[in-house]
Amino acid sequence: EDGSETDMTSFDGSAPMEARFVANPTDIGDYTPYY
C-alpha cells in the first residue's frame, strides 16, 4: 500500500494486487533466452 515492493512466492489477499515478475536469468553465455 505504501508503494514499496515485497518479494513473495505466493499471495493471499485483496484486489487490486499489482505484481512484477522478473526472470533473473543466469549463466546465459552465448545462448539466446526466449521467455
PDB file of all heavy atoms in Angstrom:
ATOM      1  N   GLU A   1       0.814  -1.208   0.000  1.00  0.00           N
ATOM      2  CA  GLU A   1       0.000   0.000   0.000  1.00  0.00           C
ATOM      3  C   GLU A   1       0.853   1.266   0.000  1.00  0.00           C
ATOM      4  O   GLU A   1       0.444   2.296  -0.537  1.00  0.00           O
ATOM      5  CB  GLU A   1      -0.935   0.000   1.211  1.00  0.00           C
ATOM      6  CG  GLU A   1      -2.035  -1.055   1.134  1.00  0.00           C
ATOM      7  CD  GLU A   1      -3.001  -0.958   2.299  1.00  0.00           C
ATOM      8  OE1 GLU A   1      -2.801  -0.072   3.157  1.00  0.00           O
ATOM      9  OE2 GLU A   1      -3.951  -1.757   2.342  1.00  0.00           O
ATOM     10  N   ASP A   2       2.034   1.207   0.600  1.00  0.00           N
ATOM     11  CA  ASP A   2       2.899   2.387   0.655  1.00  0.00           C
ATOM     12  C   ASP A   2       3.771   2.542  -0.588  1.00  0.00           C
ATOM     13  O   ASP A   2       4.611   3.437  -0.663  1.00  0.00           O
ATOM     14  CB  ASP A   2       3.774   2.352   1.908  1.00  0.00           C
ATOM     15  CG  ASP A   2       4.712   1.147   1.936  1.00  0.00           C
ATOM     16  OD1 ASP A   2       4.691   0.337   0.987  1.00  0.00           O
ATOM     17  OD2 ASP A   2       5.462   1.003   2.922  1.00  0.00           O
ATOM     18  N   GLY A   3       3.568   1.672  -1.577  1.00  0.00           N
ATOM     19  CA  GLY A   3       4.323   1.762  -2.818  1.00  0.00           C
ATOM     20  C   GLY A   3       5.590   0.929  -2.853  1.00  0.00           C
ATOM     21  O   GLY A   3       6.207   0.786  -3.912  1.00  0.00           O
ATOM     22  N   SER A   4       6.009   0.388  -1.716  1.00  0.00           N
ATOM     23  CA  SER A   4       7.194  -0.473  -1.689  1.00  0.00           C
ATOM     24  C   SER A   4       6.851  -1.853  -2.278  1.00  0.00           C
ATOM     25  O   SER A   4       5.679  -2.198  -2.453  1.00  0.00           O
ATOM     26  CB  SER A   4       7.707  -0.634  -0.258  1.00  0.00           C
ATOM     27  OG  SER A   4       6.735  -1.264   0.563  1.00  0.00           O
ATOM     28  N   GLU A   5       7.885  -2.635  -2.567  1.00  0.00           N
ATOM     29  CA  GLU A   5       7.694  -3.959  -3.147  1.00  0.00           C
ATOM     30  C   GLU A   5       8.236  -5.034  -2.205  1.00  0.00           C
ATOM     31  O   GLU A   5       9.261  -4.843  -1.560  1.00  0.00           O
ATOM     32  CB  GLU A   5       8.388  -4.072  -4.505  1.00  0.00           C
ATOM     33  CG  GLU A   5       7.749  -3.233  -5.597  1.00  0.00           C
ATOM     34  CD  GLU A   5       8.406  -3.476  -6.945  1.00  0.00           C
ATOM     35  OE1 GLU A   5       9.652  -3.589  -6.981  1.00  0.00           O
ATOM     36  OE2 GLU A   5       7.692  -3.552  -7.955  1.00  0.00           O
ATOM     37  N   THR A   6       7.535  -6.172  -2.162  1.00  0.00           N
ATOM     38  CA  THR A   6       7.951  -7.300  -1.340  1.00  0.00           C
ATOM     39  C   THR A   6       8.103  -8.531  -2.220  1.00  0.00           C
ATOM     40  O   THR A   6       7.231  -8.837  -3.042  1.00  0.00           O
ATOM     41  CB  THR A   6       6.931  -7.594  -0.229  1.00  0.00           C
ATOM     42  OG1 THR A   6       6.784  -6.432   0.590  1.00  0.00           O
ATOM     43  CG2 THR A   6       7.386  -8.758   0.634  1.00  0.00           C
ATOM     44  N   ASP A   7       9.214  -9.227  -2.044  1.00  0.00           N
ATOM     45  CA  ASP A   7       9.494 -10.452  -2.797  1.00  0.00           C
ATOM     46  C   ASP A   7       8.680 -11.598  -2.191  1.00  0.00           C
ATOM     47  O   ASP A   7       8.856 -11.940  -1.024  1.00  0.00           O
ATOM     48  CB  ASP A   7      10.994 -10.747  -2.736  1.00  0.00           C
ATOM     49  CG  ASP A   7      11.385 -11.960  -3.553  1.00  0.00           C
ATOM     50  OD1 ASP A   7      10.533 -12.474  -4.311  1.00  0.00           O
ATOM     51  OD2 ASP A   7      12.539 -12.412  -3.426  1.00  0.00           O
ATOM     52  N   MET A   8       7.775 -12.193  -2.963  1.00  0.00           N
ATOM     53  CA  MET A   8       6.903 -13.256  -2.473  1.00  0.00           C
ATOM     54  C   MET A   8       6.883 -14.428  -3.446  1.00  0.00           C
ATOM     55  O   MET A   8       7.094 -14.252  -4.654  1.00  0.00           O
ATOM     56  CB  MET A   8       5.461 -12.758  -2.290  1.00  0.00           C
ATOM     57  CG  MET A   8       5.279 -11.657  -1.277  1.00  0.00           C
ATOM     58  SD  MET A   8       3.516 -11.226  -1.093  1.00  0.00           S
ATOM     59  CE  MET A   8       3.596  -9.951   0.160  1.00  0.00           C
ATOM     60  N   THR A   9       6.629 -15.612  -2.922  1.00  0.00           N
ATOM     61  CA  THR A   9       6.395 -16.778  -3.775  1.00  0.00           C
ATOM     62  C   THR A   9       4.907 -17.095  -3.879  1.00  0.00           C
ATOM     63  O   THR A   9       4.484 -17.811  -4.788  1.00  0.00           O
ATOM     64  CB  THR A   9       7.138 -18.005  -3.237  1.00  0.00           C
ATOM     65  OG1 THR A   9       6.715 -18.268  -1.888  1.00  0.00           O
ATOM     66  CG2 THR A   9       8.651 -17.776  -3.257  1.00  0.00           C
ATOM     67  N   SER A  10       4.098 -16.550  -2.958  1.00  0.00           N
ATOM     68  CA  SER A  10       2.649 -16.715  -3.006  1.00  0.00           C
ATOM     69  C   SER A  10       1.992 -15.489  -2.386  1.00  0.00           C
ATOM     70  O   SER A  10       2.610 -14.768  -1.592  1.00  0.00           O
ATOM     71  CB  SER A  10       2.215 -17.982  -2.274  1.00  0.00           C
ATOM     72  OG  SER A  10       2.529 -17.909  -0.901  1.00  0.00           O
ATOM     73  N   PHE A  11       0.733 -15.258  -2.754  1.00  0.00           N
ATOM     74  CA  PHE A  11      -0.014 -14.111  -2.247  1.00  0.00           C
ATOM     75  C   PHE A  11      -1.439 -14.545  -1.970  1.00  0.00           C
ATOM     76  O   PHE A  11      -2.062 -15.240  -2.777  1.00  0.00           O
ATOM     77  CB  PHE A  11       0.000 -12.969  -3.265  1.00  0.00           C
ATOM     78  CG  PHE A  11      -0.876 -11.802  -2.881  1.00  0.00           C
ATOM     79  CD1 PHE A  11      -0.375 -10.788  -2.085  1.00  0.00           C
ATOM     80  CD2 PHE A  11      -2.189 -11.728  -3.312  1.00  0.00           C
ATOM     81  CE1 PHE A  11      -1.173  -9.711  -1.724  1.00  0.00           C
ATOM     82  CE2 PHE A  11      -2.997 -10.659  -2.963  1.00  0.00           C
ATOM     83  CZ  PHE A  11      -2.487  -9.646  -2.164  1.00  0.00           C
ATOM     84  N   ASP A  12      -1.965 -14.131  -0.818  1.00  0.00           N
ATOM     85  CA  ASP A  12      -3.358 -14.407  -0.450  1.00  0.00           C
ATOM     86  C   ASP A  12      -3.920 -13.124   0.128  1.00  0.00           C
ATOM     87  O   ASP A  12      -3.575 -12.730   1.239  1.00  0.00           O
ATOM     88  CB  ASP A  12      -3.421 -15.541   0.574  1.00  0.00           C
ATOM     89  CG  ASP A  12      -4.858 -15.998   0.844  1.00  0.00           C
ATOM     90  OD1 ASP A  12      -5.794 -15.304   0.397  1.00  0.00           O
ATOM     91  OD2 ASP A  12      -5.037 -17.033   1.503  1.00  0.00           O
ATOM     92  N   GLY A  13      -4.770 -12.441  -0.638  1.00  0.00           N
ATOM     93  CA  GLY A  13      -5.271 -11.169  -0.162  1.00  0.00           C
ATOM     94  C   GLY A  13      -6.292 -10.564  -1.094  1.00  0.00           C
ATOM     95  O   GLY A  13      -6.989 -11.260  -1.841  1.00  0.00           O
ATOM     96  N   SER A  14      -6.343  -9.231  -1.072  1.00  0.00           N
ATOM     97  CA  SER A  14      -7.386  -8.480  -1.739  1.00  0.00           C
ATOM     98  C   SER A  14      -6.916  -7.907  -3.063  1.00  0.00           C
ATOM     99  O   SER A  14      -5.725  -7.703  -3.278  1.00  0.00           O
ATOM    100  CB  SER A  14      -7.847  -7.359  -0.799  1.00  0.00           C
ATOM    101  OG  SER A  14      -8.810  -6.534  -1.408  1.00  0.00           O
ATOM    102  N   ALA A  15      -7.863  -7.644  -3.947  1.00  0.00           N
ATOM    103  CA  ALA A  15      -7.587  -6.953  -5.205  1.00  0.00           C
ATOM    104  C   ALA A  15      -7.894  -5.468  -5.034  1.00  0.00           C
ATOM    105  O   ALA A  15      -8.645  -5.089  -4.131  1.00  0.00           O
ATOM    106  CB  ALA A  15      -8.433  -7.546  -6.319  1.00  0.00           C
ATOM    107  N   PRO A  16      -7.313  -4.600  -5.848  1.00  0.00           N
ATOM    108  CA  PRO A  16      -6.354  -4.957  -6.898  1.00  0.00           C
ATOM    109  C   PRO A  16      -4.974  -5.253  -6.327  1.00  0.00           C
ATOM    110  O   PRO A  16      -4.538  -4.601  -5.385  1.00  0.00           O
ATOM    111  CB  PRO A  16      -6.326  -3.712  -7.780  1.00  0.00           C
ATOM    112  CG  PRO A  16      -6.696  -2.591  -6.839  1.00  0.00           C
ATOM    113  CD  PRO A  16      -7.674  -3.168  -5.866  1.00  0.00           C
ATOM    114  N   MET A  17      -4.307  -6.247  -6.891  1.00  0.00           N
ATOM    115  CA  MET A  17      -2.953  -6.608  -6.476  1.00  0.00           C
ATOM    116  C   MET A  17      -2.023  -6.405  -7.657  1.00  0.00           C
ATOM    117  O   MET A  17      -2.204  -7.002  -8.713  1.00  0.00           O
ATOM    118  CB  MET A  17      -2.897  -8.061  -5.994  1.00  0.00           C
ATOM    119  CG  MET A  17      -1.551  -8.431  -5.344  1.00  0.00           C
ATOM    120  SD  MET A  17      -0.276  -8.907  -6.520  1.00  0.00           S
ATOM    121  CE  MET A  17      -0.529 -10.678  -6.607  1.00  0.00           C
ATOM    122  N   GLU A  18      -1.035  -5.541  -7.458  1.00  0.00           N
ATOM    123  CA  GLU A  18      -0.067  -5.241  -8.511  1.00  0.00           C
ATOM    124  C   GLU A  18       1.196  -6.075  -8.277  1.00  0.00           C
ATOM    125  O   GLU A  18       1.751  -6.059  -7.182  1.00  0.00           O
ATOM    126  CB  GLU A  18       0.301  -3.756  -8.517  1.00  0.00           C
ATOM    127  CG  GLU A  18      -0.891  -2.797  -8.545  1.00  0.00           C
ATOM    128  CD  GLU A  18      -1.628  -2.818  -9.865  1.00  0.00           C
ATOM    129  OE1 GLU A  18      -1.009  -3.217 -10.876  1.00  0.00           O
ATOM    130  OE2 GLU A  18      -2.816  -2.434  -9.881  1.00  0.00           O
ATOM    131  N   ALA A  19       1.620  -6.790  -9.309  1.00  0.00           N
ATOM    132  CA  ALA A  19       2.802  -7.639  -9.178  1.00  0.00           C
ATOM    133  C   ALA A  19       3.730  -7.437 -10.362  1.00  0.00           C
ATOM    134  O   ALA A  19       3.291  -7.144 -11.481  1.00  0.00           O
ATOM    135  CB  ALA A  19       2.412  -9.112  -9.065  1.00  0.00           C
ATOM    136  N   ARG A  20       5.008  -7.595 -10.075  1.00  0.00           N
ATOM    137  CA  ARG A  20       6.039  -7.507 -11.120  1.00  0.00           C
ATOM    138  C   ARG A  20       6.819  -8.821 -11.113  1.00  0.00           C
ATOM    139  O   ARG A  20       7.289  -9.280 -10.071  1.00  0.00           O
ATOM    140  CB  ARG A  20       6.963  -6.320 -10.845  1.00  0.00           C
ATOM    141  CG  ARG A  20       8.022  -6.062 -11.890  1.00  0.00           C
ATOM    142  CD  ARG A  20       8.701  -4.715 -11.639  1.00  0.00           C
ATOM    143  NE  ARG A  20       9.324  -4.654 -10.319  1.00  0.00           N
ATOM    144  CZ  ARG A  20      10.593  -5.002 -10.071  1.00  0.00           C
ATOM    145  NH1 ARG A  20      11.370  -5.438 -11.064  1.00  0.00           N
ATOM    146  NH2 ARG A  20      11.095  -4.920  -8.853  1.00  0.00           N
ATOM    147  N   PHE A  21       6.946  -9.436 -12.281  1.00  0.00           N
ATOM    148  CA  PHE A  21       7.603 -10.735 -12.393  1.00  0.00           C
ATOM    149  C   PHE A  21       8.927 -10.569 -13.149  1.00  0.00           C
ATOM    150  O   PHE A  21       8.966 -10.014 -14.245  1.00  0.00           O
ATOM    151  CB  PHE A  21       6.694 -11.729 -13.123  1.00  0.00           C
ATOM    152  CG  PHE A  21       5.395 -11.979 -12.415  1.00  0.00           C
ATOM    153  CD1 PHE A  21       4.285 -11.203 -12.681  1.00  0.00           C
ATOM    154  CD2 PHE A  21       5.293 -12.977 -11.457  1.00  0.00           C
ATOM    155  CE1 PHE A  21       3.081 -11.419 -12.021  1.00  0.00           C
ATOM    156  CE2 PHE A  21       4.108 -13.206 -10.785  1.00  0.00           C
ATOM    157  CZ  PHE A  21       2.992 -12.424 -11.067  1.00  0.00           C
ATOM    158  N   VAL A  22      10.010 -11.059 -12.538  1.00  0.00           N
ATOM    159  CA  VAL A  22      11.359 -10.878 -13.079  1.00  0.00           C
ATOM    160  C   VAL A  22      12.001 -12.245 -13.264  1.00  0.00           C
ATOM    161  O   VAL A  22      11.995 -13.076 -12.340  1.00  0.00           O
ATOM    162  CB  VAL A  22      12.217 -10.010 -12.140  1.00  0.00           C
ATOM    163  CG1 VAL A  22      13.574  -9.737 -12.772  1.00  0.00           C
ATOM    164  CG2 VAL A  22      11.500  -8.708 -11.807  1.00  0.00           C
ATOM    165  N   ALA A  23      12.582 -12.499 -14.440  1.00  0.00           N
ATOM    166  CA  ALA A  23      13.151 -13.814 -14.746  1.00  0.00           C
ATOM    167  C   ALA A  23      14.498 -14.047 -14.059  1.00  0.00           C
ATOM    168  O   ALA A  23      14.799 -15.152 -13.618  1.00  0.00           O
ATOM    169  CB  ALA A  23      13.300 -13.970 -16.259  1.00  0.00           C
ATOM    170  N   ASN A  24      15.348 -13.049 -14.021  1.00  0.00           N
ATOM    171  CA  ASN A  24      16.700 -13.169 -13.451  1.00  0.00           C
ATOM    172  C   ASN A  24      17.473 -14.360 -14.044  1.00  0.00           C
ATOM    173  O   ASN A  24      17.860 -15.289 -13.334  1.00  0.00           O
ATOM    174  CB  ASN A  24      16.629 -13.326 -11.926  1.00  0.00           C
ATOM    175  CG  ASN A  24      16.096 -12.100 -11.233  1.00  0.00           C
ATOM    176  OD1 ASN A  24      16.403 -10.983 -11.611  1.00  0.00           O
ATOM    177  ND2 ASN A  24      15.270 -12.305 -10.213  1.00  0.00           N
ATOM    178  N   PRO A  25      17.733 -14.351 -15.351  1.00  0.00           N
ATOM    179  CA  PRO A  25      18.485 -15.462 -15.957  1.00  0.00           C
ATOM    180  C   PRO A  25      19.933 -15.470 -15.477  1.00  0.00           C
ATOM    181  O   PRO A  25      20.500 -14.432 -15.139  1.00  0.00           O
ATOM    182  CB  PRO A  25      18.406 -15.158 -17.455  1.00  0.00           C
ATOM    183  CG  PRO A  25      18.242 -13.667 -17.523  1.00  0.00           C
ATOM    184  CD  PRO A  25      17.399 -13.298 -16.326  1.00  0.00           C
ATOM    185  N   THR A  26      20.525 -16.659 -15.445  1.00  0.00           N
ATOM    186  CA  THR A  26      21.920 -16.804 -15.010  1.00  0.00           C
ATOM    187  C   THR A  26      22.693 -17.633 -16.024  1.00  0.00           C
ATOM    188  O   THR A  26      22.142 -18.515 -16.696  1.00  0.00           O
ATOM    189  CB  THR A  26      21.995 -17.490 -13.629  1.00  0.00           C
ATOM    190  OG1 THR A  26      21.401 -18.795 -13.717  1.00  0.00           O
ATOM    191  CG2 THR A  26      21.256 -16.683 -12.575  1.00  0.00           C
ATOM    192  N   ASP A  27      24.013 -17.340 -16.115  1.00  0.00           N
ATOM    193  CA  ASP A  27      24.936 -18.117 -16.963  1.00  0.00           C
ATOM    194  C   ASP A  27      24.416 -18.267 -18.392  1.00  0.00           C
ATOM    195  O   ASP A  27      24.459 -19.359 -18.969  1.00  0.00           O
ATOM    196  CB  ASP A  27      25.182 -19.501 -16.345  1.00  0.00           C
ATOM    197  CG  ASP A  27      25.782 -19.414 -14.957  1.00  0.00           C
ATOM    198  OD1 ASP A  27      26.780 -18.706 -14.788  1.00  0.00           O
ATOM    199  OD2 ASP A  27      25.231 -20.047 -14.036  1.00  0.00           O
ATOM    200  N   ILE A  28      23.965 -17.162 -18.970  1.00  0.00           N
ATOM    201  CA  ILE A  28      23.434 -17.226 -20.335  1.00  0.00           C
ATOM    202  C   ILE A  28      24.536 -17.542 -21.343  1.00  0.00           C
ATOM    203  O   ILE A  28      24.332 -18.312 -22.291  1.00  0.00           O
ATOM    204  CB  ILE A  28      22.746 -15.891 -20.703  1.00  0.00           C
ATOM    205  CG1 ILE A  28      21.513 -15.673 -19.834  1.00  0.00           C
ATOM    206  CG2 ILE A  28      22.350 -15.884 -22.174  1.00  0.00           C
ATOM    207  CD1 ILE A  28      20.806 -14.376 -20.119  1.00  0.00           C
ATOM    208  N   GLY A  29      25.705 -16.966 -21.129  1.00  0.00           N
ATOM    209  CA  GLY A  29      26.796 -17.201 -22.075  1.00  0.00           C
ATOM    210  C   GLY A  29      26.421 -16.756 -23.469  1.00  0.00           C
ATOM    211  O   GLY A  29      25.937 -15.642 -23.689  1.00  0.00           O
ATOM    212  N   ASP A  30      26.610 -17.636 -24.448  1.00  0.00           N
ATOM    213  CA  ASP A  30      26.301 -17.325 -25.842  1.00  0.00           C
ATOM    214  C   ASP A  30      24.883 -17.738 -26.233  1.00  0.00           C
ATOM    215  O   ASP A  30      24.512 -17.663 -27.410  1.00  0.00           O
ATOM    216  CB  ASP A  30      27.300 -18.026 -26.770  1.00  0.00           C
ATOM    217  CG  ASP A  30      28.721 -17.496 -26.586  1.00  0.00           C
ATOM    218  OD1 ASP A  30      28.852 -16.300 -26.273  1.00  0.00           O
ATOM    219  OD2 ASP A  30      29.680 -18.288 -26.734  1.00  0.00           O
ATOM    220  N   TYR A  31      24.098 -18.191 -25.240  1.00  0.00           N
ATOM    221  CA  TYR A  31      22.729 -18.611 -25.539  1.00  0.00           C
ATOM    222  C   TYR A  31      21.803 -17.399 -25.643  1.00  0.00           C
ATOM    223  O   TYR A  31      22.026 -16.367 -25.013  1.00  0.00           O
ATOM    224  CB  TYR A  31      22.199 -19.543 -24.447  1.00  0.00           C
ATOM    225  CG  TYR A  31      22.766 -20.941 -24.494  1.00  0.00           C
ATOM    226  CD1 TYR A  31      23.979 -21.235 -23.881  1.00  0.00           C
ATOM    227  CD2 TYR A  31      22.091 -21.959 -25.161  1.00  0.00           C
ATOM    228  CE1 TYR A  31      24.502 -22.516 -23.915  1.00  0.00           C
ATOM    229  CE2 TYR A  31      22.608 -23.239 -25.197  1.00  0.00           C
ATOM    230  CZ  TYR A  31      23.813 -23.513 -24.583  1.00  0.00           C
ATOM    231  OH  TYR A  31      24.324 -24.783 -24.623  1.00  0.00           O
ATOM    232  N   THR A  32      20.752 -17.529 -26.416  1.00  0.00           N
ATOM    233  CA  THR A  32      19.703 -16.518 -26.516  1.00  0.00           C
ATOM    234  C   THR A  32      18.478 -17.020 -25.761  1.00  0.00           C
ATOM    235  O   THR A  32      17.944 -18.073 -26.099  1.00  0.00           O
ATOM    236  CB  THR A  32      19.331 -16.244 -27.980  1.00  0.00           C
ATOM    237  OG1 THR A  32      20.490 -15.763 -28.676  1.00  0.00           O
ATOM    238  CG2 THR A  32      18.223 -15.200 -28.063  1.00  0.00           C
ATOM    239  N   PRO A  33      18.014 -16.293 -24.730  1.00  0.00           N
ATOM    240  CA  PRO A  33      16.851 -16.762 -23.964  1.00  0.00           C
ATOM    241  C   PRO A  33      15.533 -16.307 -24.596  1.00  0.00           C
ATOM    242  O   PRO A  33      15.404 -15.169 -25.061  1.00  0.00           O
ATOM    243  CB  PRO A  33      17.058 -16.099 -22.594  1.00  0.00           C
ATOM    244  CG  PRO A  33      17.805 -14.844 -22.899  1.00  0.00           C
ATOM    245  CD  PRO A  33      18.656 -15.122 -24.105  1.00  0.00           C
ATOM    246  N   TYR A  34      14.569 -17.217 -24.601  1.00  0.00           N
ATOM    247  CA  TYR A  34      13.213 -16.914 -25.054  1.00  0.00           C
ATOM    248  C   TYR A  34      12.279 -17.179 -23.874  1.00  0.00           C
ATOM    249  O   TYR A  34      12.144 -18.322 -23.425  1.00  0.00           O
ATOM    250  CB  TYR A  34      12.835 -17.754 -26.268  1.00  0.00           C
ATOM    251  CG  TYR A  34      13.666 -17.433 -27.493  1.00  0.00           C
ATOM    252  CD1 TYR A  34      14.827 -18.154 -27.771  1.00  0.00           C
ATOM    253  CD2 TYR A  34      13.296 -16.409 -28.358  1.00  0.00           C
ATOM    254  CE1 TYR A  34      15.606 -17.851 -28.877  1.00  0.00           C
ATOM    255  CE2 TYR A  34      14.071 -16.102 -29.479  1.00  0.00           C
ATOM    256  CZ  TYR A  34      15.221 -16.837 -29.723  1.00  0.00           C
ATOM    257  OH  TYR A  34      15.997 -16.530 -30.832  1.00  0.00           O
ATOM    258  N   TYR A  35      11.635 -16.097 -23.374  1.00  0.00           N
ATOM    259  CA  TYR A  35      10.857 -16.184 -22.146  1.00  0.00           C
ATOM    260  C   TYR A  35       9.381 -16.428 -22.455  1.00  0.00           C
ATOM    261  O   TYR A  35       8.847 -15.959 -23.451  1.00  0.00           O
ATOM    262  CB  TYR A  35      10.990 -14.888 -21.344  1.00  0.00           C
ATOM    263  CG  TYR A  35      12.418 -14.515 -21.039  1.00  0.00           C
ATOM    264  CD1 TYR A  35      13.100 -13.580 -21.825  1.00  0.00           C
ATOM    265  CD2 TYR A  35      13.097 -15.095 -19.976  1.00  0.00           C
ATOM    266  CE1 TYR A  35      14.412 -13.247 -21.553  1.00  0.00           C
ATOM    267  CE2 TYR A  35      14.419 -14.760 -19.698  1.00  0.00           C
ATOM    268  CZ  TYR A  35      15.059 -13.834 -20.491  1.00  0.00           C
ATOM    269  OH  TYR A  35      16.356 -13.495 -20.228  1.00  0.00           O
TER     270      TYR A  35
END
